[in-house]
Amino acid sequence: MHLTNAELWAAALGYALPPVIAIVVQPRWSGPVKGIFMLLIAVADGAGTAYFNDDFAGKPIMTGILTAAVAIGLAYHTLWRPSGIAPRIEAATSTQTGAPAAPPTP
């Protein structure tokens, strides 16, 4: 199977994106919300690489999106999560603190 330049770029970028995604994703988010956010990033990755490779049409956009989604998922589950890098980034950038905030005083 011959991959286009746009698909190769979508895969390469997708493999490097899980740490970036982990910056935004919060540990308290449910699994489906995290999955939808990843798919939105895959859409941006696939459409962006198709656009910047002057191949912005229906099939190249969809194959870029699917390639990016597979690359992001594969990279997260085989490298970034088992190494602990992505979970540590999520925890470090979490907006949730250990103790609930005290109500403001008047």
PDB file of N, CA and C in Angstrom:
ATOM      1  N   MET A   1       0.846  -1.178   0.000  1.00  0.00           N
ATOM      2  CA  MET A   1       0.000   0.000   0.000  1.00  0.00           C
ATOM      3  C   MET A   1       0.888   1.238   0.000  1.00  0.00           C
ATOM      4  N   HIS A   2       0.609   2.116  -0.900  1.00  0.00           N
ATOM      5  CA  HIS A   2       1.399   3.331  -1.049  1.00  0.00           C
ATOM      6  C   HIS A   2       0.711   4.484  -0.311  1.00  0.00           C
ATOM      7  N   LEU A   3       1.414   5.072   0.657  1.00  0.00           N
ATOM      8  CA  LEU A   3       0.868   6.208   1.398  1.00  0.00           C
ATOM      9  C   LEU A   3       1.310   7.511   0.745  1.00  0.00           C
ATOM     10  N   THR A   4       0.413   8.479   0.738  1.00  0.00           N
ATOM     11  CA  THR A   4       0.755   9.790   0.194  1.00  0.00           C
ATOM     12  C   THR A   4       1.570  10.571   1.221  1.00  0.00           C
ATOM     13  N   ASN A   5       2.156  11.671   0.767  1.00  0.00           N
ATOM     14  CA  ASN A   5       2.903  12.530   1.688  1.00  0.00           C
ATOM     15  C   ASN A   5       2.005  13.054   2.810  1.00  0.00           C
ATOM     16  N   ALA A   6       0.775  13.408   2.470  1.00  0.00           N
ATOM     17  CA  ALA A   6      -0.153  13.919   3.481  1.00  0.00           C
ATOM     18  C   ALA A   6      -0.439  12.855   4.531  1.00  0.00           C
ATOM     19  N   GLU A   7      -0.636  11.604   4.116  1.00  0.00           N
ATOM     20  CA  GLU A   7      -0.906  10.529   5.071  1.00  0.00           C
ATOM     21  C   GLU A   7       0.314  10.254   5.954  1.00  0.00           C
ATOM     22  N   LEU A   8       1.492  10.300   5.372  1.00  0.00           N
ATOM     23  CA  LEU A   8       2.709  10.089   6.161  1.00  0.00           C
ATOM     24  C   LEU A   8       2.893  11.202   7.188  1.00  0.00           C
ATOM     25  N   TRP A   9       2.636  12.440   6.781  1.00  0.00           N
ATOM     26  CA  TRP A   9       2.747  13.556   7.721  1.00  0.00           C
ATOM     27  C   TRP A   9       1.684  13.457   8.809  1.00  0.00           C
ATOM     28  N   ALA A  10       0.469  13.038   8.434  1.00  0.00           N
ATOM     29  CA  ALA A  10      -0.594  12.874   9.426  1.00  0.00           C
ATOM     30  C   ALA A  10      -0.207  11.810  10.445  1.00  0.00           C
ATOM     31  N   ALA A  11       0.399  10.719   9.982  1.00  0.00           N
ATOM     32  CA  ALA A  11       0.822   9.653  10.895  1.00  0.00           C
ATOM     33  C   ALA A  11       1.968  10.116  11.789  1.00  0.00           C
ATOM     34  N   ALA A  12       2.942  10.788  11.213  1.00  0.00           N
ATOM     35  CA  ALA A  12       4.090  11.255  12.001  1.00  0.00           C
ATOM     36  C   ALA A  12       3.651  12.272  13.050  1.00  0.00           C
ATOM     37  N   LEU A  13       2.828  13.204  12.652  1.00  0.00           N
ATOM     38  CA  LEU A  13       2.330  14.200  13.598  1.00  0.00           C
ATOM     39  C   LEU A  13       1.439  13.543  14.642  1.00  0.00           C
ATOM     40  N   GLY A  14       0.612  12.597  14.218  1.00  0.00           N
ATOM     41  CA  GLY A  14      -0.254  11.891  15.143  1.00  0.00           C
ATOM     42  C   GLY A  14       0.522  11.112  16.189  1.00  0.00           C
ATOM     43  N   TYR A  15       1.660  10.573  15.814  1.00  0.00           N
ATOM     44  CA  TYR A  15       2.470   9.825  16.781  1.00  0.00           C
ATOM     45  C   TYR A  15       3.054  10.740  17.846  1.00  0.00           C
ATOM     46  N   ALA A  16       3.285  12.002  17.483  1.00  0.00           N
ATOM     47  CA  ALA A  16       3.871  12.957  18.432  1.00  0.00           C
ATOM     48  C   ALA A  16       2.822  13.748  19.208  1.00  0.00           C
ATOM     49  N   LEU A  17       1.553  13.631  18.852  1.00  0.00           N
ATOM     50  CA  LEU A  17       0.510  14.454  19.471  1.00  0.00           C
ATOM     51  C   LEU A  17       0.023  14.040  20.863  1.00  0.00           C
ATOM     52  N   PRO A  18       0.098  12.792  21.300  1.00  0.00           N
ATOM     53  CA  PRO A  18      -0.452  12.460  22.619  1.00  0.00           C
ATOM     54  C   PRO A  18       0.062  13.312  23.781  1.00  0.00           C
ATOM     55  N   PRO A  19       1.341  13.694  23.849  1.00  0.00           N
ATOM     56  CA  PRO A  19       1.732  14.584  24.953  1.00  0.00           C
ATOM     57  C   PRO A  19       1.064  15.958  24.859  1.00  0.00           C
ATOM     58  N   VAL A  20       0.853  16.441  23.652  1.00  0.00           N
ATOM     59  CA  VAL A  20       0.180  17.727  23.468  1.00  0.00           C
ATOM     60  C   VAL A  20      -1.281  17.607  23.887  1.00  0.00           C
ATOM     61  N   ILE A  21      -1.917  16.508  23.515  1.00  0.00           N
ATOM     62  CA  ILE A  21      -3.302  16.260  23.911  1.00  0.00           C
ATOM     63  C   ILE A  21      -3.395  16.172  25.432  1.00  0.00           C
ATOM     64  N   ALA A  22      -2.400  15.539  26.062  1.00  0.00           N
ATOM     65  CA  ALA A  22      -2.406  15.374  27.521  1.00  0.00           C
ATOM     66  C   ALA A  22      -2.331  16.706  28.259  1.00  0.00           C
ATOM     67  N   ILE A  23      -1.808  17.737  27.614  1.00  0.00           N
ATOM     68  CA  ILE A  23      -1.757  19.057  28.236  1.00  0.00           C
ATOM     69  C   ILE A  23      -3.169  19.604  28.442  1.00  0.00           C
ATOM     70  N   VAL A  24      -4.046  19.354  27.489  1.00  0.00           N
ATOM     71  CA  VAL A  24      -5.413  19.878  27.550  1.00  0.00           C
ATOM     72  C   VAL A  24      -6.342  18.950  28.326  1.00  0.00           C
ATOM     73  N   VAL A  25      -6.191  17.635  28.126  1.00  0.00           N
ATOM     74  CA  VAL A  25      -7.084  16.657  28.752  1.00  0.00           C
ATOM     75  C   VAL A  25      -6.914  16.686  30.265  1.00  0.00           C
ATOM     76  N   GLN A  26      -8.033  16.618  30.958  1.00  0.00           N
ATOM     77  CA  GLN A  26      -8.042  16.626  32.420  1.00  0.00           C
ATOM     78  C   GLN A  26      -8.306  15.208  32.934  1.00  0.00           C
ATOM     79  N   PRO A  27      -7.621  14.795  34.017  1.00  0.00           N
ATOM     80  CA  PRO A  27      -7.824  13.438  34.542  1.00  0.00           C
ATOM     81  C   PRO A  27      -9.272  13.150  34.939  1.00  0.00           C
ATOM     82  N   ARG A  28     -10.040  14.153  35.312  1.00  0.00           N
ATOM     83  CA  ARG A  28     -11.424  13.934  35.745  1.00  0.00           C
ATOM     84  C   ARG A  28     -12.386  13.718  34.576  1.00  0.00           C
ATOM     85  N   TRP A  29     -11.937  13.962  33.337  1.00  0.00           N
ATOM     86  CA  TRP A  29     -12.796  13.748  32.177  1.00  0.00           C
ATOM     87  C   TRP A  29     -13.075  12.264  32.010  1.00  0.00           C
ATOM     88  N   SER A  30     -14.261  11.938  31.539  1.00  0.00           N
ATOM     89  CA  SER A  30     -14.609  10.535  31.288  1.00  0.00           C
ATOM     90  C   SER A  30     -13.884  10.042  30.038  1.00  0.00           C
ATOM     91  N   GLY A  31     -13.827   8.736  29.892  1.00  0.00           N
ATOM     92  CA  GLY A  31     -13.172   8.124  28.732  1.00  0.00           C
ATOM     93  C   GLY A  31     -13.764   8.583  27.402  1.00  0.00           C
ATOM     94  N   PRO A  32     -15.111   8.601  27.274  1.00  0.00           N
ATOM     95  CA  PRO A  32     -15.690   9.054  26.008  1.00  0.00           C
ATOM     96  C   PRO A  32     -15.341  10.513  25.671  1.00  0.00           C
ATOM     97  N   VAL A  33     -15.275  11.380  26.670  1.00  0.00           N
ATOM     98  CA  VAL A  33     -14.924  12.780  26.414  1.00  0.00           C
ATOM     99  C   VAL A  33     -13.476  12.875  25.922  1.00  0.00           C
ATOM    100  N   LYS A  34     -12.590  12.113  26.553  1.00  0.00           N
ATOM    101  CA  LYS A  34     -11.186  12.091  26.106  1.00  0.00           C
ATOM    102  C   LYS A  34     -11.091  11.557  24.678  1.00  0.00           C
ATOM    103  N   GLY A  35     -11.890  10.534  24.362  1.00  0.00           N
ATOM    104  CA  GLY A  35     -11.888   9.970  23.016  1.00  0.00           C
ATOM    105  C   GLY A  35     -12.391  10.948  21.974  1.00  0.00           C
ATOM    106  N   ILE A  36     -13.449  11.677  22.300  1.00  0.00           N
ATOM    107  CA  ILE A  36     -13.983  12.675  21.366  1.00  0.00           C
ATOM    108  C   ILE A  36     -12.968  13.789  21.149  1.00  0.00           C
ATOM    109  N   PHE A  37     -12.291  14.209  22.217  1.00  0.00           N
ATOM    110  CA  PHE A  37     -11.268  15.243  22.070  1.00  0.00           C
ATOM    111  C   PHE A  37     -10.135  14.751  21.167  1.00  0.00           C
ATOM    112  N   MET A  38      -9.724  13.486  21.348  1.00  0.00           N
ATOM    113  CA  MET A  38      -8.685  12.925  20.489  1.00  0.00           C
ATOM    114  C   MET A  38      -9.136  12.903  19.026  1.00  0.00           C
ATOM    115  N   LEU A  39     -10.396  12.567  18.798  1.00  0.00           N
ATOM    116  CA  LEU A  39     -10.901  12.545  17.426  1.00  0.00           C
ATOM    117  C   LEU A  39     -10.928  13.950  16.819  1.00  0.00           C
ATOM    118  N   LEU A  40     -11.252  14.960  17.623  1.00  0.00           N
ATOM    119  CA  LEU A  40     -11.217  16.339  17.121  1.00  0.00           C
ATOM    120  C   LEU A  40      -9.789  16.736  16.729  1.00  0.00           C
ATOM    121  N   ILE A  41      -8.819  16.309  17.523  1.00  0.00           N
ATOM    122  CA  ILE A  41      -7.426  16.585  17.187  1.00  0.00           C
ATOM    123  C   ILE A  41      -7.034  15.826  15.923  1.00  0.00           C
ATOM    124  N   ALA A  42      -7.516  14.584  15.769  1.00  0.00           N
ATOM    125  CA  ALA A  42      -7.235  13.807  14.559  1.00  0.00           C
ATOM    126  C   ALA A  42      -7.841  14.470  13.327  1.00  0.00           C
ATOM    127  N   VAL A  43      -9.029  15.051  13.471  1.00  0.00           N
ATOM    128  CA  VAL A  43      -9.646  15.777  12.354  1.00  0.00           C
ATOM    129  C   VAL A  43      -8.771  16.969  11.959  1.00  0.00           C
ATOM    130  N   ALA A  44      -8.308  17.713  12.953  1.00  0.00           N
ATOM    131  CA  ALA A  44      -7.438  18.861  12.658  1.00  0.00           C
ATOM    132  C   ALA A  44      -6.129  18.405  12.024  1.00  0.00           C
ATOM    133  N   ASP A  45      -5.559  17.333  12.538  1.00  0.00           N
ATOM    134  CA  ASP A  45      -4.309  16.794  11.993  1.00  0.00           C
ATOM    135  C   ASP A  45      -4.498  16.342  10.544  1.00  0.00           C
ATOM    136  N   GLY A  46      -5.506  15.517  10.299  1.00  0.00           N
ATOM    137  CA  GLY A  46      -5.730  14.993   8.950  1.00  0.00           C
ATOM    138  C   GLY A  46      -6.094  16.069   7.940  1.00  0.00           C
ATOM    139  N   ALA A  47      -6.991  16.958   8.330  1.00  0.00           N
ATOM    140  CA  ALA A  47      -7.393  18.033   7.416  1.00  0.00           C
ATOM    141  C   ALA A  47      -6.244  19.012   7.195  1.00  0.00           C
ATOM    142  N   GLY A  48      -5.506  19.318   8.253  1.00  0.00           N
ATOM    143  CA  GLY A  48      -4.378  20.244   8.126  1.00  0.00           C
ATOM    144  C   GLY A  48      -3.265  19.706   7.248  1.00  0.00           C
ATOM    145  N   THR A  49      -2.935  18.440   7.419  1.00  0.00           N
ATOM    146  CA  THR A  49      -1.871  17.877   6.582  1.00  0.00           C
ATOM    147  C   THR A  49      -2.322  17.760   5.128  1.00  0.00           C
ATOM    148  N   ALA A  50      -3.596  17.444   4.901  1.00  0.00           N
ATOM    149  CA  ALA A  50      -4.092  17.415   3.524  1.00  0.00           C
ATOM    150  C   ALA A  50      -4.037  18.809   2.911  1.00  0.00           C
ATOM    151  N   TYR A  51      -4.428  19.815   3.671  1.00  0.00           N
ATOM    152  CA  TYR A  51      -4.412  21.190   3.179  1.00  0.00           C
ATOM    153  C   TYR A  51      -2.991  21.651   2.856  1.00  0.00           C
ATOM    154  N   PHE A  52      -2.064  21.439   3.775  1.00  0.00           N
ATOM    155  CA  PHE A  52      -0.702  21.917   3.571  1.00  0.00           C
ATOM    156  C   PHE A  52       0.075  21.096   2.543  1.00  0.00           C
ATOM    157  N   ASN A  53      -0.465  19.955   2.126  1.00  0.00           N
ATOM    158  CA  ASN A  53       0.145  19.176   1.053  1.00  0.00           C
ATOM    159  C   ASN A  53      -0.602  19.378  -0.265  1.00  0.00           C
ATOM    160  N   ASP A  54      -1.418  20.435  -0.344  1.00  0.00           N
ATOM    161  CA  ASP A  54      -2.200  20.770  -1.546  1.00  0.00           C
ATOM    162  C   ASP A  54      -3.015  19.581  -2.048  1.00  0.00           C
ATOM    163  N   ASP A  55      -3.616  18.848  -1.118  1.00  0.00           N
ATOM    164  CA  ASP A  55      -4.413  17.677  -1.451  1.00  0.00           C
ATOM    165  C   ASP A  55      -5.740  17.735  -0.688  1.00  0.00           C
ATOM    166  N   PHE A  56      -6.334  18.940  -0.639  1.00  0.00           N
ATOM    167  CA  PHE A  56      -7.526  19.177   0.174  1.00  0.00           C
ATOM    168  C   PHE A  56      -8.777  18.823  -0.617  1.00  0.00           C
ATOM    169  N   ALA A  57      -9.130  17.534  -0.594  1.00  0.00           N
ATOM    170  CA  ALA A  57     -10.336  17.034  -1.244  1.00  0.00           C
ATOM    171  C   ALA A  57     -10.922  15.957  -0.345  1.00  0.00           C
ATOM    172  N   GLY A  58     -12.059  15.400  -0.710  1.00  0.00           N
ATOM    173  CA  GLY A  58     -12.781  14.470   0.141  1.00  0.00           C
ATOM    174  C   GLY A  58     -11.995  13.265   0.608  1.00  0.00           C
ATOM    175  N   LYS A  59     -11.517  12.435  -0.327  1.00  0.00           N
ATOM    176  CA  LYS A  59     -10.831  11.204   0.064  1.00  0.00           C
ATOM    177  C   LYS A  59      -9.509  11.471   0.775  1.00  0.00           C
ATOM    178  N   PRO A  60      -8.651  12.362   0.304  1.00  0.00           N
ATOM    179  CA  PRO A  60      -7.400  12.619   1.036  1.00  0.00           C
ATOM    180  C   PRO A  60      -7.615  13.153   2.454  1.00  0.00           C
ATOM    181  N   ILE A  61      -8.657  13.953   2.644  1.00  0.00           N
ATOM    182  CA  ILE A  61      -8.945  14.466   3.986  1.00  0.00           C
ATOM    183  C   ILE A  61      -9.355  13.307   4.898  1.00  0.00           C
ATOM    184  N   MET A  62     -10.252  12.457   4.431  1.00  0.00           N
ATOM    185  CA  MET A  62     -10.727  11.343   5.247  1.00  0.00           C
ATOM    186  C   MET A  62      -9.614  10.346   5.553  1.00  0.00           C
ATOM    187  N   THR A  63      -8.785  10.025   4.566  1.00  0.00           N
ATOM    188  CA  THR A  63      -7.693   9.089   4.841  1.00  0.00           C
ATOM    189  C   THR A  63      -6.676   9.713   5.798  1.00  0.00           C
ATOM    190  N   GLY A  64      -6.461  11.018   5.696  1.00  0.00           N
ATOM    191  CA  GLY A  64      -5.571  11.701   6.632  1.00  0.00           C
ATOM    192  C   GLY A  64      -6.127  11.673   8.053  1.00  0.00           C
ATOM    193  N   ILE A  65      -7.429  11.895   8.188  1.00  0.00           N
ATOM    194  CA  ILE A  65      -8.065  11.874   9.504  1.00  0.00           C
ATOM    195  C   ILE A  65      -7.975  10.470  10.106  1.00  0.00           C
ATOM    196  N   LEU A  66      -8.305   9.468   9.311  1.00  0.00           N
ATOM    197  CA  LEU A  66      -8.253   8.093   9.822  1.00  0.00           C
ATOM    198  C   LEU A  66      -6.825   7.678  10.159  1.00  0.00           C
ATOM    199  N   THR A  67      -5.867   8.061   9.325  1.00  0.00           N
ATOM    200  CA  THR A  67      -4.459   7.762   9.603  1.00  0.00           C
ATOM    201  C   THR A  67      -4.023   8.425  10.895  1.00  0.00           C
ATOM    202  N   ALA A  68      -4.399   9.686  11.086  1.00  0.00           N
ATOM    203  CA  ALA A  68      -4.038  10.408  12.306  1.00  0.00           C
ATOM    204  C   ALA A  68      -4.679   9.769  13.530  1.00  0.00           C
ATOM    205  N   ALA A  69      -5.952   9.377  13.428  1.00  0.00           N
ATOM    206  CA  ALA A  69      -6.643   8.759  14.570  1.00  0.00           C
ATOM    207  C   ALA A  69      -5.971   7.450  14.967  1.00  0.00           C
ATOM    208  N   VAL A  70      -5.613   6.636  13.992  1.00  0.00           N
ATOM    209  CA  VAL A  70      -4.937   5.373  14.285  1.00  0.00           C
ATOM    210  C   VAL A  70      -3.560   5.633  14.895  1.00  0.00           C
ATOM    211  N   ALA A  71      -2.816   6.586  14.330  1.00  0.00           N
ATOM    212  CA  ALA A  71      -1.478   6.894  14.838  1.00  0.00           C
ATOM    213  C   ALA A  71      -1.528   7.438  16.266  1.00  0.00           C
ATOM    214  N   ILE A  72      -2.478   8.320  16.540  1.00  0.00           N
ATOM    215  CA  ILE A  72      -2.607   8.884  17.892  1.00  0.00           C
ATOM    216  C   ILE A  72      -2.953   7.777  18.889  1.00  0.00           C
ATOM    217  N   GLY A  73      -3.940   6.954  18.555  1.00  0.00           N
ATOM    218  CA  GLY A  73      -4.339   5.875  19.453  1.00  0.00           C
ATOM    219  C   GLY A  73      -3.233   4.858  19.672  1.00  0.00           C
ATOM    220  N   LEU A  74      -2.570   4.476  18.597  1.00  0.00           N
ATOM    221  CA  LEU A  74      -1.478   3.514  18.697  1.00  0.00           C
ATOM    222  C   LEU A  74      -0.324   4.068  19.524  1.00  0.00           C
ATOM    223  N   ALA A  75       0.043   5.295  19.273  1.00  0.00           N
ATOM    224  CA  ALA A  75       1.150   5.902  20.021  1.00  0.00           C
ATOM    225  C   ALA A  75       0.800   6.043  21.493  1.00  0.00           C
ATOM    226  N   TYR A  76      -0.420   6.456  21.790  1.00  0.00           N
ATOM    227  CA  TYR A  76      -0.814   6.628  23.187  1.00  0.00           C
ATOM    228  C   TYR A  76      -0.777   5.295  23.934  1.00  0.00           C
ATOM    229  N   HIS A  77      -1.359   4.263  23.328  1.00  0.00           N
ATOM    230  CA  HIS A  77      -1.488   2.982  24.025  1.00  0.00           C
ATOM    231  C   HIS A  77      -0.215   2.148  24.023  1.00  0.00           C
ATOM    232  N   THR A  78       0.733   2.414  23.133  1.00  0.00           N
ATOM    233  CA  THR A  78       1.967   1.625  23.102  1.00  0.00           C
ATOM    234  C   THR A  78       3.179   2.360  23.658  1.00  0.00           C
ATOM    235  N   LEU A  79       3.144   3.688  23.676  1.00  0.00           N
ATOM    236  CA  LEU A  79       4.323   4.428  24.132  1.00  0.00           C
ATOM    237  C   LEU A  79       4.009   5.405  25.258  1.00  0.00           C
ATOM    238  N   TRP A  80       3.115   6.346  25.001  1.00  0.00           N
ATOM    239  CA  TRP A  80       2.934   7.469  25.926  1.00  0.00           C
ATOM    240  C   TRP A  80       2.257   7.085  27.233  1.00  0.00           C
ATOM    241  N   ARG A  81       1.268   6.214  27.213  1.00  0.00           N
ATOM    242  CA  ARG A  81       0.624   5.799  28.466  1.00  0.00           C
ATOM    243  C   ARG A  81       1.475   4.787  29.241  1.00  0.00           C
ATOM    244  N   PRO A  82       2.009   3.718  28.608  1.00  0.00           N
ATOM    245  CA  PRO A  82       2.823   2.774  29.382  1.00  0.00           C
ATOM    246  C   PRO A  82       4.078   3.403  29.991  1.00  0.00           C
ATOM    247  N   SER A  83       4.645   4.392  29.330  1.00  0.00           N
ATOM    248  CA  SER A  83       5.835   5.046  29.871  1.00  0.00           C
ATOM    249  C   SER A  83       5.487   5.982  31.027  1.00  0.00           C
ATOM    250  N   GLY A  84       4.200   6.326  31.148  1.00  0.00           N
ATOM    251  CA  GLY A  84       3.754   7.215  32.214  1.00  0.00           C
ATOM    252  C   GLY A  84       3.880   8.690  31.864  1.00  0.00           C
ATOM    253  N   ILE A  85       4.354   8.998  30.677  1.00  0.00           N
ATOM    254  CA  ILE A  85       4.562  10.394  30.295  1.00  0.00           C
ATOM    255  C   ILE A  85       3.224  11.132  30.163  1.00  0.00           C
ATOM    256  N   ALA A  86       2.304  10.578  29.389  1.00  0.00           N
ATOM    257  CA  ALA A  86       1.011  11.255  29.185  1.00  0.00           C
ATOM    258  C   ALA A  86       0.222  11.389  30.488  1.00  0.00           C
ATOM    259  N   PRO A  87       0.125  10.344  31.315  1.00  0.00           N
ATOM    260  CA  PRO A  87      -0.605  10.530  32.582  1.00  0.00           C
ATOM    261  C   PRO A  87       0.043  11.575  33.500  1.00  0.00           C
ATOM    262  N   ARG A  88       1.372  11.646  33.514  1.00  0.00           N
ATOM    263  CA  ARG A  88       2.034  12.659  34.347  1.00  0.00           C
ATOM    264  C   ARG A  88       1.769  14.062  33.819  1.00  0.00           C
ATOM    265  N   ILE A  89       1.731  14.208  32.497  1.00  0.00           N
ATOM    266  CA  ILE A  89       1.419  15.521  31.915  1.00  0.00           C
ATOM    267  C   ILE A  89      -0.010  15.913  32.279  1.00  0.00           C
ATOM    268  N   GLU A  90      -0.958  14.958  32.166  1.00  0.00           N
ATOM    269  CA  GLU A  90      -2.352  15.235  32.539  1.00  0.00           C
ATOM    270  C   GLU A  90      -2.447  15.686  33.987  1.00  0.00           C
ATOM    271  N   ALA A  91      -1.755  14.976  34.870  1.00  0.00           N
ATOM    272  CA  ALA A  91      -1.810  15.319  36.292  1.00  0.00           C
ATOM    273  C   ALA A  91      -1.157  16.675  36.565  1.00  0.00           C
ATOM    274  N   ALA A  92      -0.058  16.961  35.887  1.00  0.00           N
ATOM    275  CA  ALA A  92       0.654  18.218  36.118  1.00  0.00           C
ATOM    276  C   ALA A  92      -0.116  19.422  35.601  1.00  0.00           C
ATOM    277  N   THR A  93      -0.912  19.231  34.561  1.00  0.00           N
ATOM    278  CA  THR A  93      -1.649  20.350  33.976  1.00  0.00           C
ATOM    279  C   THR A  93      -3.112  20.361  34.382  1.00  0.00           C
ATOM    280  N   SER A  94      -3.478  19.534  35.345  1.00  0.00           N
ATOM    281  CA  SER A  94      -4.860  19.464  35.808  1.00  0.00           C
ATOM    282  C   SER A  94      -5.247  20.751  36.518  1.00  0.00           C
ATOM    283  N   THR A  95      -6.459  21.184  36.274  1.00  0.00           N
ATOM    284  CA  THR A  95      -6.967  22.378  36.952  1.00  0.00           C
ATOM    285  C   THR A  95      -7.612  22.017  38.280  1.00  0.00           C
ATOM    286  N   GLN A  96      -7.735  20.740  38.546  1.00  0.00           N
ATOM    287  CA  GLN A  96      -8.346  20.274  39.791  1.00  0.00           C
ATOM    288  C   GLN A  96      -7.255  20.159  40.859  1.00  0.00           C
ATOM    289  N   THR A  97      -7.503  20.724  42.036  1.00  0.00           N
ATOM    290  CA  THR A  97      -6.555  20.640  43.132  1.00  0.00           C
ATOM    291  C   THR A  97      -6.991  19.574  44.118  1.00  0.00           C
ATOM    292  N   GLY A  98      -6.126  19.229  45.054  1.00  0.00           N
ATOM    293  CA  GLY A  98      -6.427  18.202  46.028  1.00  0.00           C
ATOM    294  C   GLY A  98      -7.549  18.568  46.979  1.00  0.00           C
ATOM    295  N   ALA A  99      -7.590  19.778  47.464  1.00  0.00           N
ATOM    296  CA  ALA A  99      -8.619  20.209  48.411  1.00  0.00           C
ATOM    297  C   ALA A  99      -9.568  21.184  47.720  1.00  0.00           C
ATOM    298  N   PRO A 100     -10.848  21.122  48.058  1.00  0.00           N
ATOM    299  CA  PRO A 100     -11.788  22.069  47.448  1.00  0.00           C
ATOM    300  C   PRO A 100     -11.470  23.485  47.905  1.00  0.00           C
ATOM    301  N   ALA A 101     -11.710  24.402  47.011  1.00  0.00           N
ATOM    302  CA  ALA A 101     -11.424  25.800  47.309  1.00  0.00           C
ATOM    303  C   ALA A 101     -12.427  26.335  48.330  1.00  0.00           C
ATOM    304  N   ALA A 102     -11.937  27.181  49.213  1.00  0.00           N
ATOM    305  CA  ALA A 102     -12.801  27.799  50.215  1.00  0.00           C
ATOM    306  C   ALA A 102     -13.626  28.889  49.536  1.00  0.00           C
ATOM    307  N   PRO A 103     -14.849  29.074  49.986  1.00  0.00           N
ATOM    308  CA  PRO A 103     -15.661  30.148  49.393  1.00  0.00           C
ATOM    309  C   PRO A 103     -15.040  31.510  49.692  1.00  0.00           C
ATOM    310  N   PRO A 104     -15.168  32.443  48.782  1.00  0.00           N
ATOM    311  CA  PRO A 104     -14.583  33.770  49.013  1.00  0.00           C
ATOM    312  C   PRO A 104     -15.248  34.480  50.192  1.00  0.00           C
ATOM    313  N   THR A 105     -14.462  35.208  50.916  1.00  0.00           N
ATOM    314  CA  THR A 105     -14.998  35.966  52.055  1.00  0.00           C
ATOM    315  C   THR A 105     -15.489  37.327  51.569  1.00  0.00           C
ATOM    316  N   PRO A 106     -16.591  37.812  52.159  1.00  0.00           N
ATOM    317  CA  PRO A 106     -17.141  39.098  51.692  1.00  0.00           C
ATOM    318  C   PRO A 106     -16.329  40.282  52.108  1.00  0.00           C
TER     319      PRO A 106
END
